[in-house]
Amino acid sequence: MKIEIWSDIACPWCYVGKRRFERALASFSHREEVDVLWRSFELDPTAPRTRSEPQAELLARKYGVALERASEMNANMTAEARKEGLNFDFDRVKVGNSFDAHRLIHFAATQGKREAMVERLFHAYLTEGSALGDLDVLVRLAGETGLDIGAARAALESEAFTSDVRADENRARLFGISGVPFFAIDERYGVSGAQPPEALLDALRQAWSERSGDDRVVADSERQ
C-alpha cells in the first residue's frame, strides 16, 4: 500500500497530523506493507527566505485579526500539539521560506533518511525556533540527522531537487489538493487535515480491504 503525505514544514497542523498518522499506522495490522512517501507542499511559496517579524504578528496580519486573537490561536494550537506529545514554542518560531527544507528532504531520501529528516525539521522549526530559510541551519540539521554535511551543502547551494519539489506540487494540483496535511492512500482515498488517529485508521482499513478484494474490514487484533 502506498501512502503519499503532502505537508509543509512551516505548518503546525502537519506536525500534529504526522503524529496522529503514526499512531494510526502503529495500530494497522498491515503496517509492514505500507510505503510512506512524503510530498512537498508550500503554504507560502512567495515568502522571503527569513522574516524578522514575530510569528504572532504575521499570523494576525494573515487572518486579519487582533494580535491578542492570534496569540489565542497559537495557544490553542500548542494545546492540540501537547496532546500528541509535541512542545510547540511559537515565541521562538522564525517564519521563512520552506522551499530549501523541502529540497533537503528529497536529498535525505536518496540517503535513506527521509523520515528522520522530516521529523528533525519539524522539531527544529516548531520547538527549537530554527530558521529553515537559513542554509547553514539546514546543513547543521542534515548533519544531526546523519547526512554528510558536505554533500548536503553542495545540494542546497545548487538547484538540486528543485524539480522534485515542483513535481510534488504539480501532483498536488492534479489531485486538487489546496491545503495540508493531505493523505492519499493508493491514489484512491484522500484524507484532508490532521484527522484523529481513528479516522485515519478507518481509511487505512477500508483501502486495504478494497485493495485485497475483500470487503470485510479485519480487526487489528486478528493477526495472521
N, C-alpha and C. Protein backbone atom coordinates (compact mmCIF):
# COMPACT_ATOMS: atom_id res chain seq x y z
N MET A 1 0.84 -1.20 0.00
CA MET A 1 0.00 0.00 0.00
C MET A 1 0.88 1.25 0.00
N LYS A 2 0.54 2.19 -0.85
CA LYS A 2 1.30 3.44 -0.92
C LYS A 2 0.50 4.57 -0.31
N ILE A 3 1.14 5.29 0.60
CA ILE A 3 0.51 6.45 1.21
C ILE A 3 1.38 7.66 0.94
N GLU A 4 0.82 8.64 0.26
CA GLU A 4 1.52 9.89 -0.01
C GLU A 4 1.00 10.95 0.95
N ILE A 5 1.93 11.64 1.59
CA ILE A 5 1.55 12.67 2.57
C ILE A 5 2.11 14.01 2.11
N TRP A 6 1.21 14.91 1.73
CA TRP A 6 1.63 16.27 1.40
C TRP A 6 1.64 17.09 2.68
N SER A 7 2.73 17.77 2.92
CA SER A 7 2.83 18.60 4.12
C SER A 7 3.85 19.70 3.89
N ASP A 8 3.84 20.67 4.80
CA ASP A 8 4.81 21.76 4.77
C ASP A 8 5.42 21.86 6.16
N ILE A 9 6.73 21.94 6.21
CA ILE A 9 7.42 22.06 7.50
C ILE A 9 6.94 23.30 8.25
N ALA A 10 6.50 24.31 7.53
CA ALA A 10 6.03 25.55 8.15
C ALA A 10 4.60 25.43 8.68
N CYS A 11 4.01 24.25 8.61
CA CYS A 11 2.61 24.04 9.00
C CYS A 11 2.52 23.28 10.32
N PRO A 12 2.10 23.95 11.40
CA PRO A 12 1.97 23.25 12.69
C PRO A 12 1.02 22.06 12.64
N TRP A 13 -0.09 22.21 11.94
CA TRP A 13 -1.04 21.10 11.85
C TRP A 13 -0.44 19.89 11.15
N CYS A 14 0.53 20.12 10.28
CA CYS A 14 1.17 19.00 9.59
C CYS A 14 1.98 18.14 10.56
N TYR A 15 2.62 18.78 11.55
CA TYR A 15 3.37 18.02 12.55
C TYR A 15 2.41 17.23 13.43
N VAL A 16 1.31 17.87 13.83
CA VAL A 16 0.28 17.17 14.60
C VAL A 16 -0.29 16.01 13.77
N GLY A 17 -0.55 16.28 12.49
CA GLY A 17 -1.06 15.23 11.61
C GLY A 17 -0.09 14.08 11.46
N LYS A 18 1.19 14.39 11.44
CA LYS A 18 2.22 13.34 11.36
C LYS A 18 2.14 12.42 12.56
N ARG A 19 2.03 12.99 13.75
CA ARG A 19 1.93 12.18 14.96
C ARG A 19 0.65 11.33 14.95
N ARG A 20 -0.45 11.91 14.53
CA ARG A 20 -1.70 11.17 14.51
C ARG A 20 -1.65 10.04 13.49
N PHE A 21 -1.02 10.31 12.36
CA PHE A 21 -0.87 9.25 11.36
C PHE A 21 0.01 8.13 11.90
N GLU A 22 1.08 8.48 12.59
CA GLU A 22 1.97 7.46 13.16
C GLU A 22 1.22 6.57 14.15
N ARG A 23 0.34 7.17 14.93
CA ARG A 23 -0.46 6.39 15.87
C ARG A 23 -1.41 5.45 15.14
N ALA A 24 -2.02 5.96 14.07
CA ALA A 24 -2.92 5.12 13.28
C ALA A 24 -2.16 3.97 12.64
N LEU A 25 -1.01 4.28 12.07
CA LEU A 25 -0.22 3.25 11.38
C LEU A 25 0.25 2.18 12.36
N ALA A 26 0.60 2.58 13.58
CA ALA A 26 1.06 1.62 14.58
C ALA A 26 -0.03 0.62 14.94
N SER A 27 -1.30 1.00 14.75
CA SER A 27 -2.43 0.12 15.07
C SER A 27 -2.94 -0.65 13.85
N PHE A 28 -2.30 -0.44 12.71
CA PHE A 28 -2.74 -1.06 11.46
C PHE A 28 -2.03 -2.40 11.27
N SER A 29 -2.80 -3.46 11.11
CA SER A 29 -2.24 -4.81 11.04
C SER A 29 -1.24 -4.99 9.90
N HIS A 30 -1.45 -4.28 8.81
CA HIS A 30 -0.61 -4.47 7.62
C HIS A 30 0.43 -3.36 7.47
N ARG A 31 0.82 -2.76 8.59
CA ARG A 31 1.74 -1.62 8.54
C ARG A 31 3.07 -1.95 7.87
N GLU A 32 3.50 -3.22 7.96
CA GLU A 32 4.78 -3.59 7.35
C GLU A 32 4.71 -3.56 5.83
N GLU A 33 3.52 -3.50 5.30
CA GLU A 33 3.34 -3.49 3.85
C GLU A 33 2.95 -2.11 3.34
N VAL A 34 3.19 -1.10 4.16
CA VAL A 34 2.85 0.28 3.80
C VAL A 34 4.12 1.04 3.43
N ASP A 35 4.09 1.70 2.31
CA ASP A 35 5.20 2.56 1.86
C ASP A 35 4.74 4.01 1.97
N VAL A 36 5.39 4.76 2.86
CA VAL A 36 5.01 6.16 3.10
C VAL A 36 5.92 7.08 2.30
N LEU A 37 5.33 7.96 1.51
CA LEU A 37 6.08 8.91 0.70
C LEU A 37 5.70 10.33 1.13
N TRP A 38 6.70 11.10 1.54
CA TRP A 38 6.45 12.49 1.92
C TRP A 38 6.53 13.38 0.69
N ARG A 39 5.49 14.15 0.46
CA ARG A 39 5.41 15.04 -0.70
C ARG A 39 5.51 16.50 -0.26
N SER A 40 6.13 17.29 -1.09
CA SER A 40 6.34 18.71 -0.79
C SER A 40 5.09 19.53 -1.09
N PHE A 41 4.86 20.52 -0.22
CA PHE A 41 3.78 21.48 -0.41
C PHE A 41 4.19 22.76 0.30
N GLU A 42 4.15 23.88 -0.42
CA GLU A 42 4.50 25.18 0.18
C GLU A 42 3.22 25.98 0.43
N LEU A 43 2.95 26.26 1.68
CA LEU A 43 1.79 27.09 2.00
C LEU A 43 1.98 28.52 1.53
N ASP A 44 3.21 28.99 1.55
CA ASP A 44 3.51 30.36 1.10
C ASP A 44 4.78 30.35 0.27
N PRO A 45 4.68 29.95 -1.00
CA PRO A 45 5.87 29.86 -1.85
C PRO A 45 6.53 31.20 -2.13
N THR A 46 5.83 32.30 -1.88
CA THR A 46 6.41 33.63 -2.13
C THR A 46 7.09 34.22 -0.90
N ALA A 47 7.08 33.49 0.19
CA ALA A 47 7.68 34.00 1.43
C ALA A 47 9.17 34.25 1.26
N PRO A 48 9.69 35.31 1.87
CA PRO A 48 11.13 35.55 1.82
C PRO A 48 11.87 34.45 2.59
N ARG A 49 13.15 34.34 2.34
CA ARG A 49 13.93 33.29 3.00
C ARG A 49 13.80 33.36 4.52
N THR A 50 13.86 34.56 5.06
CA THR A 50 13.68 34.76 6.50
C THR A 50 12.83 36.01 6.73
N ARG A 51 12.15 36.04 7.87
CA ARG A 51 11.37 37.21 8.27
C ARG A 51 11.82 37.64 9.66
N SER A 52 11.73 38.94 9.90
CA SER A 52 12.13 39.45 11.21
C SER A 52 10.95 39.60 12.16
N GLU A 53 9.72 39.67 11.62
CA GLU A 53 8.55 39.88 12.46
C GLU A 53 8.24 38.63 13.29
N PRO A 54 7.74 38.82 14.51
CA PRO A 54 7.31 37.69 15.34
C PRO A 54 6.20 36.90 14.65
N GLN A 55 6.17 35.62 14.89
CA GLN A 55 5.19 34.76 14.24
C GLN A 55 3.76 35.19 14.51
N ALA A 56 3.47 35.62 15.74
CA ALA A 56 2.11 36.02 16.10
C ALA A 56 1.65 37.23 15.29
N GLU A 57 2.55 38.17 15.05
CA GLU A 57 2.20 39.35 14.26
C GLU A 57 1.88 38.95 12.82
N LEU A 58 2.66 38.04 12.27
CA LEU A 58 2.40 37.58 10.91
C LEU A 58 1.08 36.83 10.83
N LEU A 59 0.78 36.04 11.86
CA LEU A 59 -0.48 35.30 11.90
C LEU A 59 -1.66 36.25 11.97
N ALA A 60 -1.53 37.29 12.80
CA ALA A 60 -2.61 38.28 12.93
C ALA A 60 -2.87 38.98 11.60
N ARG A 61 -1.80 39.34 10.90
CA ARG A 61 -1.95 40.01 9.61
C ARG A 61 -2.55 39.07 8.56
N LYS A 62 -2.13 37.82 8.58
CA LYS A 62 -2.62 36.85 7.61
C LYS A 62 -4.13 36.67 7.70
N TYR A 63 -4.64 36.59 8.91
CA TYR A 63 -6.07 36.33 9.11
C TYR A 63 -6.88 37.58 9.42
N GLY A 64 -6.21 38.73 9.47
CA GLY A 64 -6.92 39.98 9.72
C GLY A 64 -7.55 40.05 11.08
N VAL A 65 -6.81 39.56 12.09
CA VAL A 65 -7.33 39.56 13.46
C VAL A 65 -6.38 40.35 14.36
N ALA A 66 -6.85 40.65 15.56
CA ALA A 66 -6.02 41.35 16.52
C ALA A 66 -4.90 40.44 17.01
N LEU A 67 -3.82 41.05 17.48
CA LEU A 67 -2.68 40.28 17.97
C LEU A 67 -3.10 39.35 19.11
N GLU A 68 -4.02 39.84 19.95
CA GLU A 68 -4.48 39.02 21.06
C GLU A 68 -5.16 37.74 20.55
N ARG A 69 -5.94 37.88 19.48
CA ARG A 69 -6.61 36.72 18.91
C ARG A 69 -5.59 35.76 18.31
N ALA A 70 -4.57 36.29 17.66
CA ALA A 70 -3.52 35.44 17.10
C ALA A 70 -2.81 34.67 18.20
N SER A 71 -2.58 35.32 19.32
CA SER A 71 -1.94 34.65 20.45
C SER A 71 -2.82 33.53 20.99
N GLU A 72 -4.13 33.76 21.00
CA GLU A 72 -5.07 32.72 21.42
C GLU A 72 -5.02 31.54 20.46
N MET A 73 -4.94 31.83 19.17
CA MET A 73 -4.84 30.77 18.17
C MET A 73 -3.59 29.94 18.40
N ASN A 74 -2.50 30.61 18.70
CA ASN A 74 -1.26 29.88 18.99
C ASN A 74 -1.39 29.02 20.24
N ALA A 75 -2.05 29.56 21.25
CA ALA A 75 -2.24 28.81 22.49
C ALA A 75 -3.09 27.56 22.24
N ASN A 76 -4.12 27.71 21.43
CA ASN A 76 -4.97 26.56 21.10
C ASN A 76 -4.19 25.51 20.31
N MET A 77 -3.37 25.99 19.38
CA MET A 77 -2.55 25.07 18.59
C MET A 77 -1.54 24.35 19.47
N THR A 78 -0.96 25.08 20.41
CA THR A 78 0.01 24.49 21.33
C THR A 78 -0.64 23.40 22.18
N ALA A 79 -1.89 23.65 22.59
CA ALA A 79 -2.61 22.66 23.39
C ALA A 79 -2.89 21.40 22.59
N GLU A 80 -3.27 21.57 21.32
CA GLU A 80 -3.51 20.40 20.47
C GLU A 80 -2.23 19.61 20.27
N ALA A 81 -1.13 20.32 20.07
CA ALA A 81 0.15 19.65 19.88
C ALA A 81 0.57 18.87 21.13
N ARG A 82 0.30 19.46 22.28
CA ARG A 82 0.69 18.81 23.53
C ARG A 82 0.00 17.46 23.70
N LYS A 83 -1.22 17.34 23.18
CA LYS A 83 -1.94 16.07 23.25
C LYS A 83 -1.20 14.97 22.49
N GLU A 84 -0.38 15.38 21.52
CA GLU A 84 0.38 14.42 20.72
C GLU A 84 1.83 14.32 21.20
N GLY A 85 2.11 14.88 22.36
CA GLY A 85 3.46 14.81 22.90
C GLY A 85 4.43 15.79 22.27
N LEU A 86 3.90 16.83 21.64
CA LEU A 86 4.73 17.84 20.97
C LEU A 86 4.73 19.12 21.78
N ASN A 87 5.86 19.79 21.80
CA ASN A 87 6.01 21.02 22.57
C ASN A 87 6.30 22.18 21.63
N PHE A 88 5.25 22.83 21.15
CA PHE A 88 5.42 23.97 20.25
C PHE A 88 5.78 25.22 21.05
N ASP A 89 6.66 26.03 20.47
CA ASP A 89 7.05 27.29 21.11
C ASP A 89 6.99 28.39 20.06
N PHE A 90 5.81 28.97 19.90
CA PHE A 90 5.62 29.97 18.85
C PHE A 90 6.38 31.26 19.11
N ASP A 91 6.76 31.51 20.35
CA ASP A 91 7.56 32.70 20.64
C ASP A 91 8.94 32.60 20.02
N ARG A 92 9.39 31.39 19.75
CA ARG A 92 10.72 31.17 19.17
C ARG A 92 10.68 30.91 17.67
N VAL A 93 9.50 30.64 17.13
CA VAL A 93 9.40 30.29 15.71
C VAL A 93 9.88 31.44 14.83
N LYS A 94 10.74 31.10 13.87
CA LYS A 94 11.26 32.07 12.90
C LYS A 94 10.66 31.73 11.54
N VAL A 95 9.67 32.50 11.14
CA VAL A 95 8.95 32.23 9.90
C VAL A 95 9.82 32.55 8.69
N GLY A 96 9.74 31.73 7.67
CA GLY A 96 10.51 31.97 6.46
C GLY A 96 10.07 31.02 5.36
N ASN A 97 10.82 30.99 4.29
CA ASN A 97 10.50 30.16 3.15
C ASN A 97 10.94 28.71 3.41
N SER A 98 10.08 27.77 3.04
CA SER A 98 10.37 26.36 3.34
C SER A 98 10.86 25.58 2.13
N PHE A 99 11.08 26.25 1.00
CA PHE A 99 11.44 25.54 -0.23
C PHE A 99 12.72 24.73 -0.08
N ASP A 100 13.76 25.33 0.50
CA ASP A 100 15.03 24.61 0.65
C ASP A 100 14.91 23.45 1.63
N ALA A 101 14.04 23.60 2.63
CA ALA A 101 13.80 22.48 3.55
C ALA A 101 13.20 21.30 2.80
N HIS A 102 12.31 21.59 1.86
CA HIS A 102 11.74 20.52 1.05
C HIS A 102 12.80 19.88 0.16
N ARG A 103 13.69 20.69 -0.39
CA ARG A 103 14.77 20.12 -1.20
C ARG A 103 15.65 19.21 -0.35
N LEU A 104 15.89 19.62 0.89
CA LEU A 104 16.72 18.82 1.79
C LEU A 104 16.06 17.47 2.09
N ILE A 105 14.75 17.47 2.23
CA ILE A 105 14.04 16.20 2.45
C ILE A 105 14.24 15.26 1.27
N HIS A 106 14.18 15.79 0.07
CA HIS A 106 14.40 14.96 -1.11
C HIS A 106 15.84 14.45 -1.16
N PHE A 107 16.79 15.29 -0.77
CA PHE A 107 18.18 14.84 -0.69
C PHE A 107 18.29 13.72 0.33
N ALA A 108 17.69 13.90 1.49
CA ALA A 108 17.75 12.89 2.54
C ALA A 108 17.16 11.57 2.07
N ALA A 109 16.13 11.64 1.23
CA ALA A 109 15.50 10.42 0.72
C ALA A 109 16.48 9.58 -0.08
N THR A 110 17.40 10.23 -0.78
CA THR A 110 18.39 9.49 -1.56
C THR A 110 19.39 8.77 -0.67
N GLN A 111 19.44 9.17 0.60
CA GLN A 111 20.37 8.56 1.56
C GLN A 111 19.63 7.68 2.58
N GLY A 112 18.36 7.41 2.31
CA GLY A 112 17.59 6.58 3.22
C GLY A 112 17.23 7.26 4.53
N LYS A 113 17.20 8.60 4.53
CA LYS A 113 16.96 9.36 5.77
C LYS A 113 15.76 10.30 5.66
N ARG A 114 14.85 10.00 4.77
CA ARG A 114 13.73 10.92 4.55
C ARG A 114 12.89 11.12 5.81
N GLU A 115 12.44 10.03 6.41
CA GLU A 115 11.57 10.13 7.59
C GLU A 115 12.28 10.86 8.73
N ALA A 116 13.55 10.53 8.94
CA ALA A 116 14.30 11.18 10.02
C ALA A 116 14.48 12.66 9.76
N MET A 117 14.66 13.03 8.50
CA MET A 117 14.86 14.44 8.15
C MET A 117 13.58 15.22 8.33
N VAL A 118 12.46 14.65 7.95
CA VAL A 118 11.17 15.31 8.14
C VAL A 118 10.94 15.59 9.62
N GLU A 119 11.17 14.59 10.44
CA GLU A 119 10.97 14.75 11.89
C GLU A 119 11.90 15.81 12.46
N ARG A 120 13.15 15.79 12.05
CA ARG A 120 14.12 16.75 12.59
C ARG A 120 13.76 18.18 12.19
N LEU A 121 13.30 18.37 10.98
CA LEU A 121 12.94 19.71 10.51
C LEU A 121 11.72 20.24 11.25
N PHE A 122 10.71 19.42 11.41
CA PHE A 122 9.53 19.85 12.16
C PHE A 122 9.90 20.28 13.58
N HIS A 123 10.67 19.44 14.25
CA HIS A 123 11.04 19.73 15.64
C HIS A 123 11.90 21.00 15.72
N ALA A 124 12.82 21.12 14.78
CA ALA A 124 13.71 22.29 14.78
C ALA A 124 12.92 23.58 14.60
N TYR A 125 11.95 23.55 13.71
CA TYR A 125 11.19 24.76 13.41
C TYR A 125 10.20 25.12 14.51
N LEU A 126 9.41 24.16 14.95
CA LEU A 126 8.29 24.45 15.84
C LEU A 126 8.62 24.38 17.33
N THR A 127 9.71 23.74 17.67
CA THR A 127 10.09 23.62 19.08
C THR A 127 11.36 24.40 19.41
N GLU A 128 12.34 24.32 18.52
CA GLU A 128 13.64 24.93 18.80
C GLU A 128 13.79 26.34 18.24
N GLY A 129 12.90 26.73 17.34
CA GLY A 129 12.99 28.06 16.76
C GLY A 129 14.08 28.21 15.72
N SER A 130 14.39 27.12 14.99
CA SER A 130 15.41 27.18 13.94
C SER A 130 14.83 27.83 12.68
N ALA A 131 15.64 28.63 12.02
CA ALA A 131 15.23 29.32 10.80
C ALA A 131 15.47 28.42 9.60
N LEU A 132 14.40 27.88 9.04
CA LEU A 132 14.54 26.91 7.96
C LEU A 132 14.88 27.55 6.62
N GLY A 133 14.90 28.87 6.56
CA GLY A 133 15.33 29.53 5.35
C GLY A 133 16.83 29.79 5.34
N ASP A 134 17.50 29.42 6.41
CA ASP A 134 18.95 29.64 6.56
C ASP A 134 19.68 28.37 6.15
N LEU A 135 20.48 28.44 5.09
CA LEU A 135 21.16 27.25 4.59
C LEU A 135 22.11 26.65 5.62
N ASP A 136 22.77 27.50 6.40
CA ASP A 136 23.67 26.97 7.42
C ASP A 136 22.91 26.15 8.45
N VAL A 137 21.73 26.61 8.80
CA VAL A 137 20.88 25.86 9.75
C VAL A 137 20.48 24.53 9.14
N LEU A 138 20.09 24.53 7.88
CA LEU A 138 19.68 23.30 7.22
C LEU A 138 20.83 22.30 7.14
N VAL A 139 22.02 22.79 6.85
CA VAL A 139 23.19 21.91 6.78
C VAL A 139 23.46 21.30 8.16
N ARG A 140 23.36 22.12 9.19
CA ARG A 140 23.57 21.60 10.55
C ARG A 140 22.55 20.52 10.88
N LEU A 141 21.30 20.76 10.55
CA LEU A 141 20.25 19.77 10.82
C LEU A 141 20.47 18.49 10.01
N ALA A 142 20.97 18.65 8.79
CA ALA A 142 21.29 17.48 7.98
C ALA A 142 22.35 16.63 8.67
N GLY A 143 23.38 17.30 9.19
CA GLY A 143 24.43 16.57 9.90
C GLY A 143 23.91 15.87 11.13
N GLU A 144 23.02 16.53 11.86
CA GLU A 144 22.44 15.93 13.06
C GLU A 144 21.56 14.73 12.73
N THR A 145 21.12 14.65 11.49
CA THR A 145 20.28 13.53 11.06
C THR A 145 21.12 12.40 10.48
N GLY A 146 22.42 12.59 10.44
CA GLY A 146 23.31 11.55 9.96
C GLY A 146 23.70 11.66 8.50
N LEU A 147 23.41 12.80 7.89
CA LEU A 147 23.77 13.03 6.50
C LEU A 147 25.14 13.68 6.40
N ASP A 148 25.79 13.48 5.29
CA ASP A 148 27.08 14.12 5.04
C ASP A 148 26.86 15.61 4.83
N ILE A 149 27.46 16.43 5.68
CA ILE A 149 27.18 17.86 5.61
C ILE A 149 27.74 18.50 4.35
N GLY A 150 28.85 17.96 3.84
CA GLY A 150 29.41 18.50 2.61
C GLY A 150 28.48 18.26 1.43
N ALA A 151 27.95 17.05 1.35
CA ALA A 151 27.03 16.71 0.27
C ALA A 151 25.73 17.48 0.41
N ALA A 152 25.28 17.65 1.65
CA ALA A 152 24.04 18.40 1.88
C ALA A 152 24.20 19.86 1.46
N ARG A 153 25.33 20.46 1.83
CA ARG A 153 25.57 21.85 1.45
C ARG A 153 25.67 21.99 -0.06
N ALA A 154 26.36 21.07 -0.70
CA ALA A 154 26.50 21.12 -2.15
C ALA A 154 25.13 21.05 -2.83
N ALA A 155 24.27 20.20 -2.31
CA ALA A 155 22.93 20.08 -2.89
C ALA A 155 22.14 21.36 -2.69
N LEU A 156 22.20 21.92 -1.49
CA LEU A 156 21.41 23.12 -1.18
C LEU A 156 21.93 24.36 -1.90
N GLU A 157 23.22 24.41 -2.16
CA GLU A 157 23.79 25.57 -2.85
C GLU A 157 23.64 25.47 -4.36
N SER A 158 23.11 24.35 -4.83
CA SER A 158 22.83 24.18 -6.26
C SER A 158 21.31 24.21 -6.46
N GLU A 159 20.88 23.80 -7.63
CA GLU A 159 19.44 23.70 -7.90
C GLU A 159 18.94 22.27 -7.71
N ALA A 160 19.75 21.43 -7.08
CA ALA A 160 19.40 20.02 -6.91
C ALA A 160 18.05 19.86 -6.22
N PHE A 161 17.27 18.93 -6.72
CA PHE A 161 15.98 18.54 -6.16
C PHE A 161 14.89 19.60 -6.30
N THR A 162 15.19 20.67 -7.03
CA THR A 162 14.14 21.65 -7.32
C THR A 162 13.02 21.01 -8.12
N SER A 163 13.39 20.22 -9.12
CA SER A 163 12.38 19.58 -9.96
C SER A 163 11.54 18.58 -9.16
N ASP A 164 12.14 17.96 -8.14
CA ASP A 164 11.40 17.00 -7.31
C ASP A 164 10.32 17.71 -6.49
N VAL A 165 10.69 18.86 -5.93
CA VAL A 165 9.72 19.64 -5.16
C VAL A 165 8.58 20.09 -6.07
N ARG A 166 8.94 20.61 -7.25
CA ARG A 166 7.92 21.08 -8.18
C ARG A 166 7.02 19.93 -8.66
N ALA A 167 7.60 18.76 -8.84
CA ALA A 167 6.80 17.61 -9.26
C ALA A 167 5.78 17.24 -8.20
N ASP A 168 6.19 17.29 -6.93
CA ASP A 168 5.25 17.02 -5.84
C ASP A 168 4.11 18.03 -5.84
N GLU A 169 4.47 19.29 -6.04
CA GLU A 169 3.46 20.35 -6.02
C GLU A 169 2.52 20.24 -7.22
N ASN A 170 3.07 19.86 -8.36
CA ASN A 170 2.22 19.66 -9.53
C ASN A 170 1.26 18.48 -9.32
N ARG A 171 1.76 17.45 -8.66
CA ARG A 171 0.92 16.29 -8.37
C ARG A 171 -0.21 16.69 -7.41
N ALA A 172 0.11 17.55 -6.47
CA ALA A 172 -0.91 18.04 -5.54
C ALA A 172 -2.02 18.78 -6.30
N ARG A 173 -1.63 19.60 -7.25
CA ARG A 173 -2.62 20.33 -8.05
C ARG A 173 -3.47 19.35 -8.87
N LEU A 174 -2.83 18.30 -9.37
CA LEU A 174 -3.56 17.30 -10.15
C LEU A 174 -4.64 16.63 -9.31
N PHE A 175 -4.33 16.43 -8.03
CA PHE A 175 -5.29 15.81 -7.11
C PHE A 175 -6.27 16.82 -6.52
N GLY A 176 -6.07 18.10 -6.83
CA GLY A 176 -6.96 19.12 -6.29
C GLY A 176 -6.68 19.46 -4.84
N ILE A 177 -5.45 19.23 -4.41
CA ILE A 177 -5.09 19.49 -3.01
C ILE A 177 -4.79 20.98 -2.84
N SER A 178 -5.47 21.61 -1.91
CA SER A 178 -5.25 23.04 -1.67
C SER A 178 -4.80 23.33 -0.24
N GLY A 179 -4.78 22.32 0.59
CA GLY A 179 -4.35 22.51 1.98
C GLY A 179 -3.67 21.26 2.50
N VAL A 180 -2.91 21.42 3.55
CA VAL A 180 -2.17 20.30 4.13
C VAL A 180 -2.36 20.27 5.65
N PRO A 181 -2.18 19.08 6.25
CA PRO A 181 -1.72 17.84 5.64
C PRO A 181 -2.80 17.17 4.79
N PHE A 182 -2.35 16.40 3.82
CA PHE A 182 -3.26 15.64 2.98
C PHE A 182 -2.66 14.25 2.77
N PHE A 183 -3.48 13.24 2.99
CA PHE A 183 -3.03 11.85 2.89
C PHE A 183 -3.74 11.18 1.72
N ALA A 184 -2.98 10.69 0.76
CA ALA A 184 -3.54 9.96 -0.38
C ALA A 184 -3.15 8.50 -0.24
N ILE A 185 -4.16 7.63 -0.17
CA ILE A 185 -3.93 6.21 0.04
C ILE A 185 -4.18 5.45 -1.25
N ASP A 186 -3.11 4.88 -1.80
CA ASP A 186 -3.20 4.12 -3.05
C ASP A 186 -3.88 4.89 -4.17
N GLU A 187 -3.78 6.21 -4.13
CA GLU A 187 -4.37 7.07 -5.15
C GLU A 187 -5.89 6.88 -5.25
N ARG A 188 -6.49 6.34 -4.20
CA ARG A 188 -7.93 6.07 -4.23
C ARG A 188 -8.67 6.80 -3.11
N TYR A 189 -8.04 6.90 -1.97
CA TYR A 189 -8.65 7.57 -0.83
C TYR A 189 -7.86 8.82 -0.50
N GLY A 190 -8.57 9.89 -0.21
CA GLY A 190 -7.93 11.11 0.23
C GLY A 190 -8.45 11.53 1.59
N VAL A 191 -7.54 11.82 2.50
CA VAL A 191 -7.91 12.28 3.84
C VAL A 191 -7.28 13.65 4.03
N SER A 192 -8.10 14.66 4.22
CA SER A 192 -7.61 16.03 4.34
C SER A 192 -7.60 16.47 5.80
N GLY A 193 -6.51 17.10 6.19
CA GLY A 193 -6.41 17.65 7.54
C GLY A 193 -5.81 16.68 8.54
N ALA A 194 -5.51 17.21 9.73
CA ALA A 194 -4.93 16.40 10.80
C ALA A 194 -6.04 15.66 11.53
N GLN A 195 -6.58 14.65 10.86
CA GLN A 195 -7.71 13.91 11.41
C GLN A 195 -7.29 13.05 12.60
N PRO A 196 -8.24 12.70 13.47
CA PRO A 196 -7.92 11.82 14.60
C PRO A 196 -7.36 10.48 14.10
N PRO A 197 -6.53 9.83 14.91
CA PRO A 197 -5.97 8.54 14.50
C PRO A 197 -7.03 7.53 14.10
N GLU A 198 -8.18 7.56 14.78
CA GLU A 198 -9.24 6.61 14.48
C GLU A 198 -9.76 6.77 13.05
N ALA A 199 -9.89 8.02 12.61
CA ALA A 199 -10.36 8.27 11.25
C ALA A 199 -9.33 7.82 10.22
N LEU A 200 -8.06 8.07 10.52
CA LEU A 200 -7.00 7.63 9.62
C LEU A 200 -6.92 6.11 9.57
N LEU A 201 -7.08 5.48 10.71
CA LEU A 201 -7.05 4.02 10.75
C LEU A 201 -8.21 3.42 9.97
N ASP A 202 -9.38 4.01 10.09
CA ASP A 202 -10.54 3.54 9.31
C ASP A 202 -10.25 3.63 7.82
N ALA A 203 -9.62 4.72 7.40
CA ALA A 203 -9.30 4.89 5.98
C ALA A 203 -8.30 3.84 5.53
N LEU A 204 -7.31 3.55 6.36
CA LEU A 204 -6.32 2.53 6.03
C LEU A 204 -6.98 1.16 5.89
N ARG A 205 -7.85 0.82 6.82
CA ARG A 205 -8.53 -0.47 6.78
C ARG A 205 -9.41 -0.61 5.54
N GLN A 206 -10.15 0.45 5.25
CA GLN A 206 -11.05 0.41 4.09
C GLN A 206 -10.25 0.28 2.80
N ALA A 207 -9.19 1.05 2.69
CA ALA A 207 -8.36 0.98 1.48
C ALA A 207 -7.74 -0.41 1.33
N TRP A 208 -7.32 -0.99 2.45
CA TRP A 208 -6.71 -2.32 2.38
C TRP A 208 -7.73 -3.37 1.96
N SER A 209 -8.93 -3.28 2.50
CA SER A 209 -9.96 -4.28 2.17
C SER A 209 -10.30 -4.23 0.69
N GLU A 210 -10.34 -3.04 0.12
CA GLU A 210 -10.65 -2.92 -1.30
C GLU A 210 -9.45 -3.33 -2.15
N ARG A 211 -8.27 -3.04 -1.63
CA ARG A 211 -7.05 -3.41 -2.36
C ARG A 211 -6.93 -4.92 -2.47
N SER A 212 -7.32 -5.63 -1.42
CA SER A 212 -7.20 -7.08 -1.40
C SER A 212 -8.42 -7.77 -1.99
N GLY A 213 -9.42 -6.96 -2.36
CA GLY A 213 -10.62 -7.54 -2.93
C GLY A 213 -11.53 -8.15 -1.90
N ASP A 214 -11.31 -7.79 -0.64
CA ASP A 214 -12.12 -8.33 0.46
C ASP A 214 -12.84 -7.18 1.12
N ASP A 215 -14.16 -7.17 1.06
CA ASP A 215 -14.93 -6.08 1.64
C ASP A 215 -14.96 -6.13 3.16
N ARG A 216 -14.52 -7.24 3.75
CA ARG A 216 -14.53 -7.35 5.20
C ARG A 216 -13.33 -6.60 5.77
N VAL A 217 -13.58 -5.71 6.70
CA VAL A 217 -12.51 -4.99 7.37
C VAL A 217 -12.09 -5.81 8.58
N VAL A 218 -10.87 -6.30 8.55
CA VAL A 218 -10.38 -7.18 9.60
C VAL A 218 -9.91 -6.36 10.78
N ALA A 219 -10.33 -6.74 11.96
CA ALA A 219 -9.89 -6.05 13.17
C ALA A 219 -8.40 -6.24 13.34
N ASP A 220 -7.75 -5.23 13.91
CA ASP A 220 -6.30 -5.30 14.05
C ASP A 220 -5.86 -6.39 15.02
N SER A 221 -6.78 -6.88 15.84
CA SER A 221 -6.42 -7.96 16.75
C SER A 221 -6.38 -9.31 16.05
N GLU A 222 -6.94 -9.34 14.83
CA GLU A 222 -6.99 -10.60 14.09
C GLU A 222 -5.71 -10.78 13.29
N ARG A 223 -4.65 -11.05 13.96
CA ARG A 223 -3.34 -11.21 13.33
C ARG A 223 -3.28 -12.57 12.61
N GLN A 224 -2.60 -12.60 11.50
CA GLN A 224 -2.41 -13.85 10.78
C GLN A 224 -1.15 -14.55 11.29
